[in-house]
Protein backbone atom coordinates (compact mmCIF):
# COMPACT_ATOMS: atom_id res chain seq x y z
CA MET A 1 68.80 92.10 104.19
CA ARG A 2 69.41 94.50 101.31
CA LYS A 3 72.57 93.82 99.35
CA VAL A 4 75.15 96.04 97.64
CA TYR A 5 76.52 95.02 94.25
CA GLY A 6 79.56 96.64 92.68
CA LEU A 7 80.65 96.29 89.06
CA GLY A 8 84.16 97.40 88.22
CA GLU A 9 87.75 96.61 87.40
CA THR A 10 90.09 94.71 89.70
CA VAL A 11 93.74 95.73 89.82
CA LEU A 12 96.69 95.26 92.13
CA ASP A 13 97.73 98.77 93.15
CA ILE A 14 101.49 99.19 93.60
CA ILE A 15 102.04 102.58 95.21
CA PHE A 16 105.22 104.60 94.74
CA LYS A 17 106.45 107.57 96.76
CA ASP A 18 109.71 109.31 95.80
CA ILE A 19 110.30 106.60 93.15
CA GLN A 20 110.18 103.82 95.75
CA PRO A 21 107.37 101.22 96.08
CA VAL A 22 105.78 101.71 99.51
CA SER A 23 102.65 99.53 99.34
CA ALA A 24 100.82 96.94 97.26
CA LYS A 25 97.16 96.07 97.70
CA PRO A 26 94.04 95.06 95.74
CA GLY A 27 92.35 98.06 94.21
CA GLY A 28 90.03 99.41 91.60
CA SER A 29 87.50 102.18 92.20
CA VAL A 30 84.44 100.02 92.85
CA LEU A 31 86.40 97.34 94.70
CA ASN A 32 87.64 99.97 97.14
CA ALA A 33 84.08 101.05 97.92
CA MET A 34 82.91 97.46 98.31
CA VAL A 35 85.64 96.67 100.85
CA SER A 36 84.68 99.65 103.01
CA LEU A 37 81.00 98.74 102.84
CA ALA A 38 81.74 95.15 103.83
CA ARG A 39 83.84 96.40 106.75
CA LEU A 40 80.82 98.45 107.84
CA GLY A 41 78.81 95.23 108.03
CA HIS A 42 76.84 95.37 104.79
CA SER A 43 76.17 92.38 102.54
CA VAL A 44 78.36 92.97 99.50
CA SER A 45 78.90 91.23 96.15
CA PHE A 46 81.59 92.22 93.65
CA ILE A 47 81.25 91.71 89.89
CA SER A 48 84.56 91.69 88.02
CA GLU A 49 87.26 89.66 86.27
CA LEU A 50 90.75 88.35 87.06
CA GLY A 51 93.44 86.14 85.64
CA ASN A 52 93.98 82.69 87.09
CA ASP A 53 97.41 83.72 88.43
CA LYS A 54 99.13 84.60 91.71
CA VAL A 55 97.81 88.17 91.69
CA GLY A 56 94.32 86.81 91.09
CA GLU A 57 94.68 84.40 94.01
CA LEU A 58 95.84 87.25 96.23
CA VAL A 59 92.78 89.34 95.32
CA VAL A 60 90.32 86.46 95.75
CA LYS A 61 91.73 85.71 99.21
CA PHE A 62 91.51 89.40 100.11
CA LEU A 63 87.85 89.54 99.08
CA LYS A 64 87.08 86.41 101.09
CA ASP A 65 88.90 87.78 104.14
CA ASN A 66 86.69 90.89 103.89
CA ASN A 67 83.43 88.92 103.59
CA ILE A 68 82.79 89.96 99.98
CA ASP A 69 80.84 87.55 97.81
CA SER A 70 82.79 86.70 94.64
CA THR A 71 80.13 84.57 92.93
CA TYR A 72 80.23 86.91 89.91
CA LEU A 73 84.01 87.15 89.66
CA GLN A 74 85.18 85.65 86.35
CA ARG A 75 88.63 84.03 86.22
CA TYR A 76 90.62 83.67 82.97
CA GLU A 77 93.18 80.99 82.10
CA ASP A 78 94.47 82.88 79.05
CA ALA A 79 95.01 86.30 80.68
CA GLN A 80 96.81 88.05 83.50
CA SER A 81 95.36 90.07 86.36
CA ALA A 82 95.75 93.82 85.89
CA LEU A 83 98.38 95.94 87.63
CA ALA A 84 98.18 99.66 88.41
CA LEU A 85 101.32 101.60 89.30
CA ALA A 86 100.31 104.66 91.33
CA PHE A 87 102.90 107.44 91.68
CA LEU A 88 102.15 109.87 94.53
CA ASN A 89 103.18 113.50 93.98
CA GLU A 90 104.05 116.11 96.63
CA LYS A 91 100.32 116.55 97.41
CA ASN A 92 99.93 112.74 97.67
CA ASP A 93 97.66 112.70 94.62
CA ALA A 94 98.31 109.78 92.28
CA GLU A 95 99.21 109.46 88.62
CA TYR A 96 98.80 105.99 87.13
CA ASP A 97 100.31 103.58 84.66
CA PHE A 98 98.20 100.49 83.93
CA TYR A 99 99.31 97.06 82.72
CA LYS A 100 96.54 94.81 81.38
CA ASN A 101 96.31 91.61 79.39
CA TYR A 102 92.69 90.55 78.94
CA PRO A 103 91.21 87.93 76.57
CA GLU A 104 88.93 88.86 73.68
CA GLU A 105 85.78 87.45 75.30
CA ARG A 106 85.17 89.05 78.69
CA LEU A 107 82.66 89.24 81.53
CA ASN A 108 80.41 86.49 80.23
CA ILE A 109 78.76 85.88 83.60
CA ASP A 110 75.30 84.93 84.78
CA LEU A 111 73.12 87.91 85.64
CA PRO A 112 73.29 88.70 89.36
CA ASP A 113 70.35 87.90 91.63
CA PHE A 114 69.34 91.54 92.15
CA GLN A 115 66.38 92.24 94.43
CA LYS A 116 64.19 95.34 94.70
CA ASP A 117 65.93 98.19 96.56
CA ASP A 118 69.35 96.55 96.49
CA ILE A 119 72.07 99.07 95.60
CA PHE A 120 74.16 98.76 92.44
CA LEU A 121 77.34 100.83 91.97
CA PHE A 122 79.30 101.02 88.72
CA GLY A 123 81.69 103.42 87.04
CA SER A 124 85.17 104.42 85.85
CA PHE A 125 86.57 103.63 82.39
CA TYR A 126 85.46 100.02 82.95
CA ALA A 127 81.84 101.13 82.48
CA ILE A 128 82.52 102.76 79.10
CA ASP A 129 85.09 100.36 77.64
CA SER A 130 83.74 99.49 74.17
CA ARG A 131 85.10 95.93 74.49
CA LEU A 132 82.88 95.35 77.53
CA ARG A 133 79.98 97.60 76.67
CA SER A 134 77.38 95.00 75.71
CA ASN A 135 77.91 93.00 78.90
CA ILE A 136 78.03 96.14 81.06
CA LEU A 137 74.70 97.25 79.60
CA ARG A 138 73.20 93.81 80.12
CA ILE A 139 74.01 93.95 83.85
CA VAL A 140 73.01 97.61 84.32
CA GLN A 141 69.66 97.11 82.59
CA HIS A 142 69.02 94.02 84.70
CA ALA A 143 69.64 96.06 87.87
CA ILE A 144 67.18 98.70 86.68
CA SER A 145 64.55 96.11 85.77
CA LYS A 146 64.78 94.57 89.24
CA GLY A 147 64.24 97.91 90.98
CA CYS A 148 67.75 98.51 92.33
CA ILE A 149 69.02 101.93 93.35
CA VAL A 150 71.66 102.59 90.69
CA MET A 151 74.68 104.81 91.42
CA TYR A 152 77.22 105.88 88.80
CA ASP A 153 80.69 107.39 89.29
CA PRO A 154 82.22 108.45 85.94
CA ASN A 155 85.77 108.75 87.37
CA PHE A 156 86.79 110.07 83.95
CA ARG A 157 90.54 110.68 83.78
CA LYS A 158 92.34 113.23 81.64
CA SER A 159 94.06 110.41 79.79
CA HIS A 160 90.68 109.40 78.30
CA ALA A 161 89.90 112.90 77.00
CA LYS A 162 91.43 112.15 73.59
CA ASP A 163 88.71 109.55 73.04
CA LEU A 164 85.86 111.69 74.39
CA ASP A 165 84.04 111.89 71.06
CA GLN A 166 83.65 108.11 71.06
CA LEU A 167 83.11 107.67 74.81
CA LEU A 168 80.67 110.50 75.56
CA LYS A 169 77.62 108.57 74.37
CA TYR A 170 78.45 105.79 76.84
CA VAL A 171 78.93 108.25 79.70
CA LEU A 172 75.60 109.94 78.95
CA ASN A 173 73.84 106.59 78.76
CA ASN A 174 75.28 105.62 82.15
CA ILE A 175 74.13 108.91 83.68
CA THR A 176 70.64 108.29 82.31
CA SER A 177 70.64 104.83 83.91
CA ALA A 178 71.52 106.18 87.36
CA ASP A 179 69.45 107.37 90.31
CA ILE A 180 72.50 109.13 91.78
CA VAL A 181 75.61 110.42 90.01
CA ARG A 182 78.67 111.21 92.15
CA GLY A 183 81.60 112.77 90.39
CA SER A 184 84.55 115.04 91.08
CA ASP A 185 85.07 118.52 89.71
CA GLU A 186 87.80 117.02 87.49
CA ASP A 187 85.40 114.39 86.12
CA PHE A 188 82.84 116.96 85.05
CA ALA A 189 85.53 119.26 83.65
CA ASN A 190 87.06 116.42 81.62
CA ILE A 191 83.68 115.25 80.30
CA PHE A 192 81.72 118.46 79.81
CA GLY A 193 84.20 121.28 80.31
CA ALA A 194 82.10 122.28 83.34
CA LYS A 195 83.79 124.80 85.65
CA THR A 196 81.22 124.77 88.46
CA SER A 197 78.74 122.35 90.01
CA GLU A 198 75.91 124.44 88.55
CA ASP A 199 77.37 124.03 85.06
CA ALA A 200 77.66 120.28 85.59
CA TYR A 201 74.12 119.90 86.91
CA ARG A 202 72.65 121.78 83.96
CA LEU A 203 74.17 119.10 81.74
CA VAL A 204 73.18 116.19 83.99
CA SER A 205 69.75 117.14 85.37
CA ASP A 206 67.69 116.10 82.34
CA ARG A 207 69.17 112.60 82.69
CA CYS A 208 69.60 112.16 86.46
CA MET A 209 68.02 114.37 89.12
CA ASN A 210 70.47 113.61 91.97
CA MET A 211 74.07 114.78 91.53
CA VAL A 212 76.86 114.97 94.12
CA TYR A 213 79.86 117.06 93.03
CA THR A 214 83.03 116.70 95.09
CA ALA A 215 85.72 119.36 94.81
CA ASN A 216 88.44 118.21 97.23
CA ALA A 217 89.23 120.91 99.81
CA ASN A 218 86.74 123.26 98.13
CA GLY A 219 83.80 121.31 99.47
CA VAL A 220 80.93 119.13 98.29
CA TYR A 221 77.96 120.34 96.25
CA LEU A 222 74.55 118.65 96.18
CA HIS A 223 72.03 119.24 93.40
CA THR A 224 68.62 117.58 93.26
CA ASN A 225 65.21 118.47 91.85
CA GLN A 226 64.47 120.14 95.23
CA LEU A 227 67.77 121.12 96.85
CA GLU A 228 71.03 122.94 96.18
CA GLU A 229 73.52 122.76 99.04
CA LYS A 230 77.22 123.27 99.65
CA TYR A 231 79.06 121.37 102.39
CA GLU A 232 82.42 122.39 103.82
CA VAL A 233 85.10 119.78 104.48
CA ASN A 234 87.75 119.75 107.19
CA GLN A 235 91.31 120.40 106.05
CA ILE A 236 93.49 117.34 106.65
CA GLU A 237 97.08 116.28 106.04
CA SER A 238 96.53 113.44 103.60
CA VAL A 239 98.82 110.44 103.23
CA SER A 240 97.20 109.29 99.97
CA THR A 241 94.08 110.40 98.09
CA ILE A 242 93.80 107.22 96.01
CA GLY A 243 90.56 105.96 97.58
CA ALA A 244 88.97 109.32 98.44
CA GLY A 245 86.21 109.38 95.83
CA ASP A 246 85.61 105.64 96.07
CA ASN A 247 84.99 105.88 99.79
CA PHE A 248 82.77 108.92 99.34
CA ASN A 249 80.63 106.58 97.23
CA ALA A 250 80.72 104.01 100.02
CA GLY A 251 79.64 106.66 102.50
CA ILE A 252 76.64 107.61 100.37
CA ILE A 253 75.56 103.98 100.10
CA HIS A 254 76.17 103.32 103.81
CA SER A 255 73.92 106.22 104.80
CA ILE A 256 71.16 105.23 102.36
CA LEU A 257 71.07 101.76 103.91
CA LYS A 258 71.41 103.02 107.49
CA GLN A 259 68.48 105.42 106.99
CA GLY A 260 66.36 102.77 105.29
CA ILE A 261 65.95 104.86 102.14
CA LEU A 262 64.28 103.00 99.27
CA LYS A 263 64.36 103.72 95.53
CA GLN A 264 60.88 105.25 95.65
CA ASP A 265 62.06 107.69 98.35
CA LEU A 266 64.84 109.27 96.29
CA LYS A 267 62.52 111.79 94.61
CA ASN A 268 61.56 113.43 97.90
CA LEU A 269 64.45 113.10 100.34
CA THR A 270 64.51 115.78 103.04
CA LYS A 271 67.41 118.13 103.64
CA THR A 272 68.19 116.21 106.85
CA GLN A 273 68.38 112.91 104.96
CA TRP A 274 70.70 114.40 102.35
CA ASN A 275 72.81 116.04 105.07
CA ASN A 276 73.32 112.60 106.62
CA ILE A 277 74.23 111.09 103.25
CA ILE A 278 76.80 113.78 102.40
CA GLU A 279 78.31 113.80 105.90
CA SER A 280 78.78 110.04 105.69
CA GLY A 281 80.59 110.44 102.37
CA ILE A 282 82.84 113.17 103.77
CA GLN A 283 83.72 111.11 106.85
CA LEU A 284 84.69 107.97 104.95
CA SER A 285 86.61 109.92 102.33
CA ALA A 286 88.62 111.78 104.97
CA GLU A 287 89.34 108.60 106.92
CA VAL A 288 90.81 106.78 103.94
CA CYS A 289 93.07 109.73 103.06
CA MET A 290 94.87 109.29 106.39
CA SER A 291 96.58 106.03 105.37
CA LEU A 292 98.02 104.21 102.35
CA ASP A 293 95.01 101.87 102.32
CA ASN A 294 92.36 102.30 99.63
CA TYR A 295 89.54 101.54 102.09
CA ILE A 296 88.57 102.36 105.67
CA SER A 297 90.40 100.54 108.44
CA ARG A 298 88.98 97.33 109.84
């Protein structure tokens, strides 16, 4: 059975609406995707780090309850698990404050047991943090060497734009490492100043030939070496958009596995295969926006 590996930050999301806390749950972009994939019946392993504290115990129990392998989850005695305060606005989009206390030496784990055609997802600021960069690269390059399908989600927030000069080289390297890049219109605007999916693909295509560009209610755009397509999305009354992009990623991966698509197939996928992939992403993304959960329902 093919396995899905996710590499990303673990946080406890505390969600506020109208200045009141309304929910608290394990989160982090990649973790959210891994939970949904596990709930869809896939074999999932999560690579991350946590403090050896009550929040860490809560997250570990949550992963176990959702059948997620935590073999590559590093626990720290001299650090605290990260918190993310998410403040929902009138459109139920979130703005964040993060609270982190990590040790100097981080993510010193054994290399995962990747197998050919497993799927490896990584992204967000975690994947470009200079303090983690050498260990991130070590894991990414191992996934490539083992023949995994590599998917990258930059999830690049406006708050990181001030450091773009330093971070851009890491983002570009991650794009080059990927078989599929899935990013939002805001990601590509914050990184490249791109105003359209065509602008973004011109800057990505020489590094990665498969790009999925999500633009909220304005639709989804697919660019590959053979196809350019736009997909409409249904208008919904969202409760929270926190896990929307993360679950779009899960939908892409779910469809790739369901269709039996291998790494060697990615160069020549048909329009029907891509339609299935994008529709799966749209469905999971919409479903998660209908609740305060960061993942699809059980």
